Amino acid sequence: MTLVKRNSNRSALPSLWDNFFNRDIFGWDSFVTGEGQSLPAVNIKENKDAFVVEMAAPGMKKEDFKIELDGTALSISSEQRNESEEKDDNYSRHEFSYQSFYRTFHLPKDVVDSEKINAKYEDGILKLEIPKREEAKEKPSRLIEVK
């Protein structure tokens, strides 16, 4: 929990002066990911047969994702727009939100079988399985006979 000191003589709304001195001068925190946005967490695993990418994206639908392979660049992106409107005799309220992200991963050249990549979205996790080519898979050790 964070404690914040408030001066009771001042308004509850922050002033322009407060915003200027309490924010990053170049605004990098909002420039990199956007105000109120963050990139989804990603786990990347490698086993003997494939690379597995798991991305946490709760609350989305499989139709929200766009997955594209361009050469060795694998891009995962999503856009979500929500809008609601409420009207009554005394008031009107209109709210909207917009969320998006774009991530790119560079796959090892001549290692993956790009024709067999598959993606599945289940329980808030987007999972991509990127199989390795047969020639790129690690071969078991073998005994070589000396003649």
N, C-alpha and C. Protein backbone atom coordinates (compact mmCIF):
# COMPACT_ATOMS: atom_id res chain seq x y z
N MET A 1 0.85 -1.16 0.00
CA MET A 1 0.00 0.00 0.00
C MET A 1 0.90 1.23 0.00
N THR A 2 0.51 2.25 -0.76
CA THR A 2 1.25 3.49 -0.85
C THR A 2 0.50 4.57 -0.09
N LEU A 3 1.21 5.30 0.76
CA LEU A 3 0.62 6.42 1.47
C LEU A 3 0.91 7.69 0.70
N VAL A 4 -0.11 8.52 0.55
CA VAL A 4 0.03 9.76 -0.19
C VAL A 4 -0.37 10.91 0.71
N LYS A 5 0.50 11.90 0.85
CA LYS A 5 0.22 13.07 1.68
C LYS A 5 -0.63 14.05 0.87
N ARG A 6 -1.72 14.50 1.44
CA ARG A 6 -2.61 15.46 0.79
C ARG A 6 -2.67 16.73 1.64
N ASN A 7 -2.71 17.84 0.98
CA ASN A 7 -2.88 19.12 1.64
C ASN A 7 -4.37 19.44 1.58
N SER A 8 -5.02 19.56 2.72
CA SER A 8 -6.46 19.76 2.77
C SER A 8 -6.89 21.10 2.18
N ASN A 9 -5.98 22.06 2.04
CA ASN A 9 -6.32 23.37 1.50
C ASN A 9 -6.40 23.35 -0.03
N ARG A 10 -5.97 22.26 -0.65
CA ARG A 10 -5.92 22.20 -2.09
C ARG A 10 -7.07 21.38 -2.65
N SER A 11 -7.33 21.55 -3.89
CA SER A 11 -8.38 20.80 -4.58
C SER A 11 -7.96 19.34 -4.71
N ALA A 12 -8.94 18.45 -4.81
CA ALA A 12 -8.65 17.02 -4.99
C ALA A 12 -8.12 16.74 -6.39
N LEU A 13 -8.37 17.64 -7.32
CA LEU A 13 -7.86 17.45 -8.68
C LEU A 13 -6.41 17.92 -8.78
N PRO A 14 -5.54 17.16 -9.43
CA PRO A 14 -4.15 17.59 -9.54
C PRO A 14 -4.02 18.79 -10.47
N SER A 15 -3.09 19.64 -10.15
CA SER A 15 -2.90 20.82 -10.97
C SER A 15 -1.92 20.52 -12.10
N LEU A 16 -1.86 21.39 -13.07
CA LEU A 16 -0.92 21.26 -14.17
C LEU A 16 0.51 21.26 -13.63
N TRP A 17 0.76 22.07 -12.62
CA TRP A 17 2.08 22.15 -11.99
C TRP A 17 2.48 20.79 -11.41
N ASP A 18 1.55 20.12 -10.69
CA ASP A 18 1.82 18.80 -10.11
C ASP A 18 2.12 17.78 -11.20
N ASN A 19 1.33 17.79 -12.26
CA ASN A 19 1.54 16.84 -13.35
C ASN A 19 2.90 17.03 -14.00
N PHE A 20 3.32 18.28 -14.16
CA PHE A 20 4.59 18.56 -14.81
C PHE A 20 5.76 17.99 -14.02
N PHE A 21 5.77 18.16 -12.70
CA PHE A 21 6.90 17.72 -11.90
C PHE A 21 6.82 16.26 -11.44
N ASN A 22 5.66 15.66 -11.49
CA ASN A 22 5.52 14.28 -11.04
C ASN A 22 5.57 13.27 -12.17
N ARG A 23 5.75 13.69 -13.39
CA ARG A 23 5.79 12.77 -14.52
C ARG A 23 7.19 12.74 -15.12
N ASP A 24 7.44 11.70 -15.87
CA ASP A 24 8.70 11.59 -16.60
C ASP A 24 8.75 12.74 -17.61
N ILE A 25 9.83 13.50 -17.62
CA ILE A 25 9.90 14.69 -18.45
C ILE A 25 9.72 14.41 -19.95
N PHE A 26 10.18 13.25 -20.40
CA PHE A 26 10.04 12.92 -21.82
C PHE A 26 8.81 12.06 -22.10
N GLY A 27 8.10 11.64 -21.07
CA GLY A 27 6.90 10.84 -21.25
C GLY A 27 7.16 9.45 -21.78
N TRP A 28 8.36 8.91 -21.52
CA TRP A 28 8.69 7.59 -22.05
C TRP A 28 7.76 6.52 -21.54
N ASP A 29 7.29 6.65 -20.29
CA ASP A 29 6.41 5.61 -19.74
C ASP A 29 5.13 5.48 -20.55
N SER A 30 4.57 6.57 -21.04
CA SER A 30 3.35 6.47 -21.84
C SER A 30 3.66 6.29 -23.33
N PHE A 31 4.85 6.68 -23.78
CA PHE A 31 5.21 6.55 -25.19
C PHE A 31 5.47 5.09 -25.57
N VAL A 32 6.13 4.36 -24.71
CA VAL A 32 6.53 3.00 -25.03
C VAL A 32 5.33 2.08 -25.16
N THR A 33 4.39 2.09 -24.22
CA THR A 33 3.26 1.17 -24.28
C THR A 33 1.92 1.87 -24.43
N GLY A 34 1.89 3.17 -24.38
CA GLY A 34 0.62 3.88 -24.46
C GLY A 34 0.06 4.08 -23.06
N GLU A 35 -0.71 5.12 -22.89
CA GLU A 35 -1.30 5.43 -21.59
C GLU A 35 -2.25 4.32 -21.18
N GLY A 36 -2.01 3.69 -20.02
CA GLY A 36 -2.91 2.67 -19.52
C GLY A 36 -2.79 1.33 -20.23
N GLN A 37 -1.78 1.13 -21.03
CA GLN A 37 -1.63 -0.13 -21.74
C GLN A 37 -0.38 -0.85 -21.27
N SER A 38 -0.36 -2.15 -21.48
CA SER A 38 0.84 -2.92 -21.20
C SER A 38 0.90 -4.09 -22.16
N LEU A 39 2.08 -4.59 -22.38
CA LEU A 39 2.25 -5.74 -23.26
C LEU A 39 1.93 -7.01 -22.49
N PRO A 40 1.28 -7.97 -23.16
CA PRO A 40 0.99 -9.23 -22.47
C PRO A 40 2.27 -9.98 -22.12
N ALA A 41 2.24 -10.69 -21.00
CA ALA A 41 3.38 -11.50 -20.58
C ALA A 41 3.52 -12.69 -21.52
N VAL A 42 4.77 -13.05 -21.82
CA VAL A 42 5.05 -14.13 -22.76
C VAL A 42 6.07 -15.09 -22.16
N ASN A 43 5.80 -16.39 -22.30
CA ASN A 43 6.77 -17.43 -21.98
C ASN A 43 7.18 -18.08 -23.29
N ILE A 44 8.48 -18.29 -23.47
CA ILE A 44 8.98 -18.98 -24.66
C ILE A 44 9.81 -20.16 -24.18
N LYS A 45 9.40 -21.35 -24.64
CA LYS A 45 10.08 -22.57 -24.24
C LYS A 45 10.61 -23.26 -25.49
N GLU A 46 11.67 -24.01 -25.32
CA GLU A 46 12.21 -24.82 -26.42
C GLU A 46 12.35 -26.24 -25.91
N ASN A 47 11.86 -27.17 -26.70
CA ASN A 47 12.10 -28.58 -26.41
C ASN A 47 12.75 -29.21 -27.64
N LYS A 48 12.94 -30.51 -27.64
CA LYS A 48 13.68 -31.12 -28.74
C LYS A 48 12.93 -31.06 -30.07
N ASP A 49 11.59 -30.92 -30.04
CA ASP A 49 10.80 -30.93 -31.27
C ASP A 49 10.27 -29.57 -31.72
N ALA A 50 10.17 -28.60 -30.78
CA ALA A 50 9.50 -27.35 -31.14
C ALA A 50 9.85 -26.22 -30.18
N PHE A 51 9.44 -25.02 -30.59
CA PHE A 51 9.42 -23.85 -29.72
C PHE A 51 7.96 -23.65 -29.34
N VAL A 52 7.70 -23.27 -28.09
CA VAL A 52 6.33 -23.03 -27.63
C VAL A 52 6.28 -21.61 -27.07
N VAL A 53 5.34 -20.82 -27.61
CA VAL A 53 5.13 -19.45 -27.15
C VAL A 53 3.78 -19.42 -26.44
N GLU A 54 3.77 -18.97 -25.19
CA GLU A 54 2.54 -18.82 -24.42
C GLU A 54 2.38 -17.35 -24.05
N MET A 55 1.23 -16.78 -24.41
CA MET A 55 0.98 -15.37 -24.15
C MET A 55 -0.27 -15.23 -23.29
N ALA A 56 -0.15 -14.54 -22.17
CA ALA A 56 -1.29 -14.30 -21.29
C ALA A 56 -2.15 -13.19 -21.88
N ALA A 57 -3.40 -13.54 -22.22
CA ALA A 57 -4.33 -12.57 -22.80
C ALA A 57 -5.75 -12.88 -22.35
N PRO A 58 -6.02 -12.72 -21.04
CA PRO A 58 -7.35 -13.05 -20.52
C PRO A 58 -8.43 -12.10 -21.05
N GLY A 59 -9.63 -12.64 -21.15
CA GLY A 59 -10.77 -11.81 -21.55
C GLY A 59 -10.89 -11.58 -23.04
N MET A 60 -10.06 -12.21 -23.83
CA MET A 60 -10.12 -12.02 -25.27
C MET A 60 -10.80 -13.22 -25.93
N LYS A 61 -11.05 -13.09 -27.21
CA LYS A 61 -11.59 -14.19 -28.01
C LYS A 61 -10.55 -14.54 -29.07
N LYS A 62 -10.62 -15.75 -29.59
CA LYS A 62 -9.62 -16.15 -30.58
C LYS A 62 -9.68 -15.28 -31.83
N GLU A 63 -10.84 -14.71 -32.12
CA GLU A 63 -10.99 -13.82 -33.28
C GLU A 63 -10.26 -12.48 -33.09
N ASP A 64 -9.90 -12.14 -31.86
CA ASP A 64 -9.23 -10.87 -31.57
C ASP A 64 -7.76 -10.86 -32.00
N PHE A 65 -7.18 -12.02 -32.23
CA PHE A 65 -5.76 -12.12 -32.53
C PHE A 65 -5.47 -12.12 -34.02
N LYS A 66 -4.36 -11.50 -34.39
CA LYS A 66 -3.84 -11.58 -35.75
C LYS A 66 -2.40 -12.08 -35.62
N ILE A 67 -2.14 -13.25 -36.20
CA ILE A 67 -0.82 -13.86 -36.13
C ILE A 67 -0.29 -13.96 -37.56
N GLU A 68 0.90 -13.40 -37.77
CA GLU A 68 1.44 -13.32 -39.12
C GLU A 68 2.92 -13.70 -39.12
N LEU A 69 3.33 -14.47 -40.12
CA LEU A 69 4.73 -14.86 -40.28
C LEU A 69 5.24 -14.23 -41.57
N ASP A 70 6.27 -13.39 -41.45
CA ASP A 70 6.88 -12.74 -42.60
C ASP A 70 8.37 -13.07 -42.57
N GLY A 71 8.77 -14.05 -43.36
CA GLY A 71 10.16 -14.51 -43.31
C GLY A 71 10.41 -15.19 -41.98
N THR A 72 11.30 -14.61 -41.18
CA THR A 72 11.56 -15.17 -39.85
C THR A 72 10.90 -14.35 -38.74
N ALA A 73 10.12 -13.34 -39.10
CA ALA A 73 9.47 -12.48 -38.11
C ALA A 73 8.04 -12.96 -37.86
N LEU A 74 7.78 -13.40 -36.64
CA LEU A 74 6.45 -13.84 -36.23
C LEU A 74 5.83 -12.70 -35.42
N SER A 75 4.70 -12.16 -35.92
CA SER A 75 4.03 -11.04 -35.26
C SER A 75 2.70 -11.48 -34.69
N ILE A 76 2.44 -11.05 -33.46
CA ILE A 76 1.15 -11.31 -32.80
C ILE A 76 0.59 -9.95 -32.41
N SER A 77 -0.63 -9.68 -32.84
CA SER A 77 -1.25 -8.40 -32.51
C SER A 77 -2.72 -8.61 -32.19
N SER A 78 -3.30 -7.58 -31.56
CA SER A 78 -4.71 -7.64 -31.21
C SER A 78 -5.23 -6.22 -31.04
N GLU A 79 -6.52 -6.06 -31.35
CA GLU A 79 -7.23 -4.81 -31.12
C GLU A 79 -8.56 -5.14 -30.52
N GLN A 80 -8.93 -4.43 -29.48
CA GLN A 80 -10.24 -4.60 -28.85
C GLN A 80 -10.84 -3.23 -28.63
N ARG A 81 -12.08 -3.06 -29.06
CA ARG A 81 -12.80 -1.81 -28.83
C ARG A 81 -14.11 -2.14 -28.12
N ASN A 82 -14.37 -1.44 -27.05
CA ASN A 82 -15.61 -1.62 -26.29
C ASN A 82 -16.28 -0.27 -26.14
N GLU A 83 -17.59 -0.26 -26.32
CA GLU A 83 -18.33 0.98 -26.22
C GLU A 83 -19.65 0.70 -25.52
N SER A 84 -20.03 1.58 -24.62
CA SER A 84 -21.32 1.44 -23.95
C SER A 84 -21.95 2.82 -23.80
N GLU A 85 -23.27 2.84 -23.85
CA GLU A 85 -23.99 4.10 -23.72
C GLU A 85 -25.19 3.87 -22.83
N GLU A 86 -25.42 4.80 -21.93
CA GLU A 86 -26.52 4.70 -20.99
C GLU A 86 -27.23 6.06 -20.96
N LYS A 87 -28.53 6.03 -21.16
CA LYS A 87 -29.29 7.28 -21.15
C LYS A 87 -30.46 7.15 -20.19
N ASP A 88 -30.74 8.25 -19.53
CA ASP A 88 -31.87 8.34 -18.63
C ASP A 88 -32.43 9.76 -18.79
N ASP A 89 -33.52 10.04 -18.15
CA ASP A 89 -34.11 11.38 -18.26
C ASP A 89 -33.18 12.45 -17.71
N ASN A 90 -32.40 12.11 -16.68
CA ASN A 90 -31.57 13.11 -16.00
C ASN A 90 -30.10 13.10 -16.40
N TYR A 91 -29.65 12.05 -17.07
CA TYR A 91 -28.23 12.00 -17.39
C TYR A 91 -27.99 11.17 -18.63
N SER A 92 -26.80 11.33 -19.15
CA SER A 92 -26.36 10.53 -20.30
C SER A 92 -24.91 10.16 -20.06
N ARG A 93 -24.58 8.89 -20.28
CA ARG A 93 -23.21 8.45 -20.07
C ARG A 93 -22.78 7.63 -21.28
N HIS A 94 -21.61 7.95 -21.79
CA HIS A 94 -21.06 7.24 -22.94
C HIS A 94 -19.61 6.89 -22.62
N GLU A 95 -19.31 5.60 -22.56
CA GLU A 95 -17.95 5.16 -22.23
C GLU A 95 -17.40 4.30 -23.37
N PHE A 96 -16.11 4.40 -23.58
CA PHE A 96 -15.47 3.55 -24.56
C PHE A 96 -14.06 3.24 -24.10
N SER A 97 -13.54 2.11 -24.57
CA SER A 97 -12.16 1.75 -24.27
C SER A 97 -11.54 1.13 -25.51
N TYR A 98 -10.25 1.24 -25.60
CA TYR A 98 -9.52 0.72 -26.74
C TYR A 98 -8.24 0.09 -26.21
N GLN A 99 -8.02 -1.17 -26.55
CA GLN A 99 -6.80 -1.86 -26.15
C GLN A 99 -6.18 -2.49 -27.38
N SER A 100 -4.86 -2.40 -27.46
CA SER A 100 -4.17 -3.06 -28.55
C SER A 100 -2.75 -3.38 -28.12
N PHE A 101 -2.17 -4.36 -28.80
CA PHE A 101 -0.76 -4.65 -28.61
C PHE A 101 -0.21 -5.23 -29.90
N TYR A 102 1.10 -5.19 -30.02
CA TYR A 102 1.79 -5.73 -31.19
C TYR A 102 3.14 -6.23 -30.71
N ARG A 103 3.41 -7.53 -30.91
CA ARG A 103 4.69 -8.10 -30.51
C ARG A 103 5.26 -8.86 -31.69
N THR A 104 6.56 -8.77 -31.87
CA THR A 104 7.24 -9.49 -32.94
C THR A 104 8.38 -10.30 -32.35
N PHE A 105 8.50 -11.54 -32.82
CA PHE A 105 9.58 -12.44 -32.40
C PHE A 105 10.31 -12.90 -33.66
N HIS A 106 11.62 -12.92 -33.60
CA HIS A 106 12.41 -13.37 -34.75
C HIS A 106 12.81 -14.83 -34.52
N LEU A 107 12.34 -15.68 -35.44
CA LEU A 107 12.59 -17.10 -35.34
C LEU A 107 13.95 -17.44 -35.94
N PRO A 108 14.62 -18.46 -35.43
CA PRO A 108 15.92 -18.85 -35.99
C PRO A 108 15.76 -19.29 -37.45
N LYS A 109 16.60 -18.78 -38.30
CA LYS A 109 16.53 -19.09 -39.73
C LYS A 109 16.87 -20.56 -39.97
N ASP A 110 16.15 -21.19 -40.88
CA ASP A 110 16.36 -22.58 -41.29
C ASP A 110 16.21 -23.58 -40.15
N VAL A 111 15.53 -23.22 -39.08
CA VAL A 111 15.35 -24.12 -37.95
C VAL A 111 13.88 -24.54 -37.82
N VAL A 112 12.95 -23.62 -38.07
CA VAL A 112 11.54 -23.92 -37.87
C VAL A 112 10.85 -24.35 -39.15
N ASP A 113 9.82 -25.17 -38.99
CA ASP A 113 8.99 -25.60 -40.11
C ASP A 113 7.78 -24.67 -40.13
N SER A 114 7.87 -23.60 -40.89
CA SER A 114 6.85 -22.54 -40.87
C SER A 114 5.49 -23.01 -41.38
N GLU A 115 5.44 -24.07 -42.14
CA GLU A 115 4.18 -24.59 -42.67
C GLU A 115 3.35 -25.31 -41.60
N LYS A 116 3.97 -25.69 -40.51
CA LYS A 116 3.27 -26.49 -39.49
C LYS A 116 3.03 -25.74 -38.18
N ILE A 117 3.16 -24.41 -38.17
CA ILE A 117 2.91 -23.63 -36.96
C ILE A 117 1.41 -23.67 -36.67
N ASN A 118 1.06 -23.91 -35.40
CA ASN A 118 -0.36 -23.87 -35.04
C ASN A 118 -0.55 -23.04 -33.79
N ALA A 119 -1.74 -22.46 -33.66
CA ALA A 119 -2.07 -21.58 -32.52
C ALA A 119 -3.40 -22.03 -31.93
N LYS A 120 -3.48 -21.90 -30.60
CA LYS A 120 -4.70 -22.27 -29.87
C LYS A 120 -4.89 -21.26 -28.74
N TYR A 121 -6.13 -20.84 -28.54
CA TYR A 121 -6.45 -19.93 -27.44
C TYR A 121 -7.40 -20.64 -26.49
N GLU A 122 -6.97 -20.76 -25.23
CA GLU A 122 -7.77 -21.49 -24.25
C GLU A 122 -7.48 -20.95 -22.85
N ASP A 123 -8.52 -20.71 -22.08
CA ASP A 123 -8.41 -20.25 -20.68
C ASP A 123 -7.52 -19.02 -20.53
N GLY A 124 -7.63 -18.07 -21.46
CA GLY A 124 -6.88 -16.82 -21.36
C GLY A 124 -5.44 -16.90 -21.81
N ILE A 125 -5.02 -18.03 -22.38
CA ILE A 125 -3.64 -18.21 -22.83
C ILE A 125 -3.63 -18.50 -24.33
N LEU A 126 -2.91 -17.68 -25.09
CA LEU A 126 -2.67 -17.96 -26.50
C LEU A 126 -1.40 -18.80 -26.58
N LYS A 127 -1.51 -19.97 -27.19
CA LYS A 127 -0.36 -20.88 -27.24
C LYS A 127 -0.03 -21.18 -28.70
N LEU A 128 1.20 -20.90 -29.08
CA LEU A 128 1.69 -21.21 -30.42
C LEU A 128 2.73 -22.31 -30.32
N GLU A 129 2.58 -23.31 -31.16
CA GLU A 129 3.59 -24.36 -31.24
C GLU A 129 4.28 -24.22 -32.59
N ILE A 130 5.59 -24.02 -32.54
CA ILE A 130 6.39 -23.78 -33.73
C ILE A 130 7.35 -24.96 -33.88
N PRO A 131 7.00 -25.95 -34.71
CA PRO A 131 7.83 -27.15 -34.82
C PRO A 131 9.17 -26.88 -35.50
N LYS A 132 10.16 -27.65 -35.12
CA LYS A 132 11.48 -27.57 -35.74
C LYS A 132 11.51 -28.48 -36.96
N ARG A 133 12.36 -28.14 -37.92
CA ARG A 133 12.58 -29.01 -39.07
C ARG A 133 13.32 -30.25 -38.59
N GLU A 134 13.12 -31.35 -39.28
CA GLU A 134 13.78 -32.61 -38.91
C GLU A 134 15.29 -32.45 -38.84
N GLU A 135 15.87 -31.76 -39.81
CA GLU A 135 17.34 -31.61 -39.84
C GLU A 135 17.86 -30.70 -38.73
N ALA A 136 16.98 -29.91 -38.10
CA ALA A 136 17.41 -29.02 -37.03
C ALA A 136 17.26 -29.65 -35.65
N LYS A 137 16.53 -30.76 -35.58
CA LYS A 137 16.33 -31.42 -34.29
C LYS A 137 17.62 -32.07 -33.82
N GLU A 138 17.79 -32.05 -32.51
CA GLU A 138 18.98 -32.65 -31.91
C GLU A 138 18.92 -34.17 -32.06
N LYS A 139 19.99 -34.73 -32.56
CA LYS A 139 20.06 -36.17 -32.76
C LYS A 139 20.63 -36.83 -31.51
N PRO A 140 20.13 -38.05 -31.19
CA PRO A 140 20.69 -38.75 -30.04
C PRO A 140 22.13 -39.17 -30.31
N SER A 141 22.88 -39.31 -29.24
CA SER A 141 24.27 -39.71 -29.43
C SER A 141 24.34 -41.14 -29.96
N ARG A 142 25.36 -41.41 -30.73
CA ARG A 142 25.54 -42.75 -31.28
C ARG A 142 27.01 -43.12 -31.21
N LEU A 143 27.25 -44.39 -31.19
CA LEU A 143 28.61 -44.92 -31.12
C LEU A 143 29.13 -45.08 -32.54
N ILE A 144 30.31 -44.59 -32.79
CA ILE A 144 30.93 -44.70 -34.11
C ILE A 144 32.03 -45.75 -34.03
N GLU A 145 31.91 -46.72 -34.89
CA GLU A 145 32.86 -47.83 -34.91
C GLU A 145 34.15 -47.41 -35.59
N VAL A 146 35.25 -47.77 -35.02
CA VAL A 146 36.56 -47.49 -35.61
C VAL A 146 36.94 -48.72 -36.43
N LYS A 147 37.35 -48.52 -37.70
CA LYS A 147 37.71 -49.63 -38.59
C LYS A 147 39.20 -49.73 -38.73
